[in-house]
Each structure stands twice: as structure tokens, then as C-alpha cells.
């Protein structure tokens, strides 16, 4: 009767071993599934990493393009500033030339007026030298205002008319 407890103990041991073997197989299958999942996620991460690297390269290229555009804009800005300074200097020069022109025109007008007066005086002088004028014309020239400056009559009121 000693055999029955050994058999029962052996059967119990066999039952525990089968249960442990099934448990190990279950854990092993779970481990394989998690390894597959980890492998798939690792592949997905590598793909995402490559996509991010390409996007990073694209952004670097865009950044270089923007830097070149920025340099071009800076040079254009410098050119614009120099043109603004040049235009400002030209307006100052223009104003100076305008004032100089007005001064020269005033001097020229003054000289022309003096030349006209000299010409008129010379004409009067030559006419006086001829003495072909009448006394009335000579009196008008002396008075300077012509016949309308002289009195109309001696008996009436004294009126002087000026035009």
C-alpha cells in the first residue's frame, strides 16, 4: 500500500509538470507575439525615422533657400538705400540749381532792363540832338507824362489827371 501514495504523488507531480509545461508554452507564445509586435513597431519607427530625416533634409534645403533669398533681399535693400541717398542728394542739388537759376534770371532781367533803358535814353539823346521835334514834344518829354499831365485851362479848377 505504499505504492498508492507514490502513484498519487507521481500523478500529482505529472499534473503539476503538465500544467507548468502548458504555462511555459503559453508564456513562450506570448513572448513570441510580443517580439513580433516589437519587431513591427521597430520597423514602423525606422520608417518614421527615415521620413523624419527626409523631412529634415527638405527643411534644411528650404532653410538654405531662405538664407539665399535673405541675402538677395539684403543686397537689394542696400542698393535701395544707396539709391535713396542718391535721390536725396540729387534733390538737394536740384534745389541749389533752382535757386542759382532764379538768381541768374534776376540778374539777366536786371541787365536786360538796363539795356532797354540805355537804348531808350540813347534814342532820346539822338532825337534831342536832331532837334526835329516840336516844342510841344520837348515839353512833354521834360514833364514826362505827355499832354494829359498839363492843365486843361487856367481859369478852371486845377486838375491833374494821371493815367
Protein backbone atom coordinates (compact mmCIF):
# COMPACT_ATOMS: atom_id res chain seq x y z
CA UNK A 1 0.00 0.00 0.00
CA UNK A 2 2.85 2.09 -0.09
CA UNK A 3 2.53 2.21 -3.82
CA UNK A 4 -0.69 4.20 -3.83
CA UNK A 5 0.75 7.29 -2.23
CA UNK A 6 3.69 7.12 -4.64
CA UNK A 7 1.32 6.80 -7.58
CA UNK A 8 -0.84 9.62 -6.31
CA UNK A 9 2.26 11.72 -5.65
CA UNK A 10 3.57 10.83 -9.11
CA UNK A 11 0.26 11.69 -10.73
CA UNK A 12 0.16 14.96 -8.83
CA UNK A 13 3.72 15.64 -9.90
CA UNK A 14 2.86 14.76 -13.50
CA UNK A 15 -0.19 17.03 -13.33
CA UNK A 16 1.94 19.89 -11.98
CA UNK A 17 4.59 19.29 -14.66
CA UNK A 18 1.97 19.29 -17.46
CA UNK A 19 0.45 22.43 -16.02
CA UNK A 20 3.90 24.06 -15.83
CA UNK A 21 4.72 22.89 -19.39
CA UNK A 22 1.44 24.43 -20.68
CA UNK A 23 2.14 27.59 -18.72
CA UNK A 24 5.68 27.81 -20.19
CA UNK A 25 4.29 27.24 -23.71
CA UNK A 26 1.68 29.96 -23.12
CA UNK A 27 4.32 32.39 -21.81
CA UNK A 28 6.59 31.43 -24.72
CA UNK A 29 3.80 32.12 -27.27
CA UNK A 30 3.07 35.45 -25.57
CA UNK A 31 6.76 36.27 -25.69
CA UNK A 32 6.94 35.41 -29.40
CA UNK A 33 3.88 37.59 -30.08
CA UNK A 34 5.38 40.49 -28.15
CA UNK A 35 8.66 40.02 -30.03
CA UNK A 36 6.74 40.14 -33.32
CA UNK A 37 4.89 43.25 -32.16
CA UNK A 38 8.16 44.84 -31.04
CA UNK A 39 9.76 43.95 -34.37
CA UNK A 40 6.83 45.53 -36.28
CA UNK A 41 6.90 48.65 -34.13
CA UNK A 42 10.67 48.80 -34.57
CA UNK A 43 10.20 48.69 -38.37
CA UNK A 44 7.49 51.36 -38.13
CA UNK A 45 9.80 53.52 -36.03
CA UNK A 46 12.63 53.08 -38.53
CA UNK A 47 10.29 54.10 -41.36
CA UNK A 48 9.10 57.12 -39.38
CA UNK A 49 12.72 57.97 -38.57
CA UNK A 50 13.62 57.86 -42.27
CA UNK A 51 10.60 60.02 -43.10
CA UNK A 52 11.66 62.49 -40.43
CA UNK A 53 15.22 62.50 -41.78
CA UNK A 54 13.97 63.26 -45.28
CA UNK A 55 11.71 65.99 -43.92
CA UNK A 56 14.68 67.37 -42.00
CA UNK A 57 16.76 67.40 -45.19
CA UNK A 58 13.93 69.14 -47.03
CA UNK A 59 13.73 71.72 -44.25
CA UNK A 60 17.50 72.24 -44.41
CA UNK A 61 17.24 72.82 -48.16
CA UNK A 62 14.37 75.25 -47.63
CA UNK A 63 16.40 76.98 -44.94
CA UNK A 64 19.33 77.38 -47.35
CA UNK A 65 16.98 78.75 -49.99
CA UNK A 66 15.56 81.21 -47.49
CA UNK A 67 19.07 82.26 -46.47
CA UNK A 68 19.98 82.96 -50.08
CA UNK A 69 16.74 84.89 -50.57
CA UNK A 70 17.51 86.82 -47.40
CA UNK A 71 20.97 87.70 -48.74
CA UNK A 72 19.45 88.80 -52.03
CA UNK A 73 16.93 90.95 -50.17
CA UNK A 74 19.71 92.45 -48.06
CA UNK A 75 21.67 93.40 -51.17
CA UNK A 76 18.53 94.86 -52.74
CA UNK A 77 17.92 96.79 -49.53
CA UNK A 78 21.47 98.16 -49.64
CA UNK A 79 21.01 99.16 -53.28
CA UNK A 80 17.69 100.79 -52.39
CA UNK A 81 19.29 102.74 -49.54
CA UNK A 82 22.09 103.94 -51.81
CA UNK A 83 19.51 104.99 -54.42
CA UNK A 84 17.55 106.84 -51.74
CA UNK A 85 20.71 108.69 -50.70
CA UNK A 86 21.47 109.44 -54.33
CA UNK A 87 17.94 110.76 -54.93
CA UNK A 88 18.15 112.87 -51.78
CA UNK A 89 21.47 114.33 -52.94
CA UNK A 90 20.02 114.96 -56.39
CA UNK A 91 17.02 116.81 -54.90
CA UNK A 92 19.39 118.95 -52.84
CA UNK A 93 21.46 119.67 -55.96
CA UNK A 94 18.27 120.40 -57.88
CA UNK A 95 17.14 122.92 -55.26
CA UNK A 96 20.56 124.60 -55.35
CA UNK A 97 20.45 124.79 -59.13
CA UNK A 98 16.90 126.15 -59.00
CA UNK A 99 17.93 128.95 -56.62
CA UNK A 100 21.02 129.69 -58.71
CA UNK A 101 18.83 129.80 -61.82
CA UNK A 102 16.44 132.26 -60.22
CA UNK A 103 19.36 134.45 -59.14
CA UNK A 104 20.87 134.35 -62.64
CA UNK A 105 17.47 135.09 -64.21
CA UNK A 106 17.03 138.06 -61.88
CA UNK A 107 20.47 139.39 -62.86
CA UNK A 108 19.72 138.81 -66.53
CA UNK A 109 16.35 140.59 -66.22
CA UNK A 110 18.08 143.48 -64.49
CA UNK A 111 20.70 143.67 -67.25
CA UNK A 112 18.03 143.48 -69.96
CA UNK A 113 16.04 146.21 -68.29
CA UNK A 114 19.17 148.36 -68.01
CA UNK A 115 19.97 147.69 -71.67
CA UNK A 116 16.43 148.68 -72.70
CA UNK A 117 16.65 151.86 -70.65
CA UNK A 118 20.05 152.62 -72.12
CA UNK A 119 18.64 152.07 -75.59
CA UNK A 120 15.66 154.34 -74.85
CA UNK A 121 17.94 157.01 -73.38
CA UNK A 122 20.21 156.78 -76.39
CA UNK A 123 17.20 157.15 -78.69
CA UNK A 124 16.03 160.20 -76.73
CA UNK A 125 19.52 161.66 -76.83
CA UNK A 126 19.77 161.20 -80.57
CA UNK A 127 16.31 162.71 -81.03
CA UNK A 128 17.33 165.73 -78.91
CA UNK A 129 20.43 166.12 -80.98
CA UNK A 130 18.37 166.27 -84.14
CA UNK A 131 16.05 168.93 -82.76
CA UNK A 132 13.42 167.96 -85.21
CA UNK A 133 10.86 167.77 -82.53
CA UNK A 134 8.36 170.43 -81.85
CA UNK A 135 8.36 172.47 -78.69
CA UNK A 136 5.25 170.63 -77.54
CA UNK A 137 7.03 167.27 -77.85
CA UNK A 138 10.05 168.63 -76.00
CA UNK A 139 7.81 169.91 -73.19
CA UNK A 140 6.07 166.54 -72.96
CA UNK A 141 9.44 164.80 -72.70
CA UNK A 142 10.61 167.19 -69.99
CA UNK A 143 7.42 166.82 -67.94
CA UNK A 144 7.46 163.09 -68.69
CA UNK A 145 3.75 162.42 -68.68
CA UNK A 146 2.60 163.64 -72.04
CA UNK A 147 -0.26 166.08 -72.74
CA UNK A 148 -2.61 164.72 -70.08
CA UNK A 149 -0.42 165.99 -67.30
CA UNK A 150 -0.69 169.61 -68.35
CA UNK A 151 -3.54 171.86 -67.15
CA UNK A 152 -6.67 171.91 -69.21
CA UNK A 153 -7.36 175.67 -68.69
CA UNK A 154 -6.01 178.38 -66.47
CA UNK A 155 -9.38 179.73 -65.35
CA UNK A 156 -10.90 176.50 -64.18
CA UNK A 157 -10.01 174.40 -61.20
CA UNK A 158 -6.65 172.87 -61.18
CA UNK A 159 -6.98 169.26 -62.14
CA UNK A 160 -4.25 166.88 -62.75
CA UNK A 161 -5.13 163.69 -64.47
CA UNK A 162 -2.86 160.74 -64.25
CA UNK A 163 -3.19 157.55 -66.14
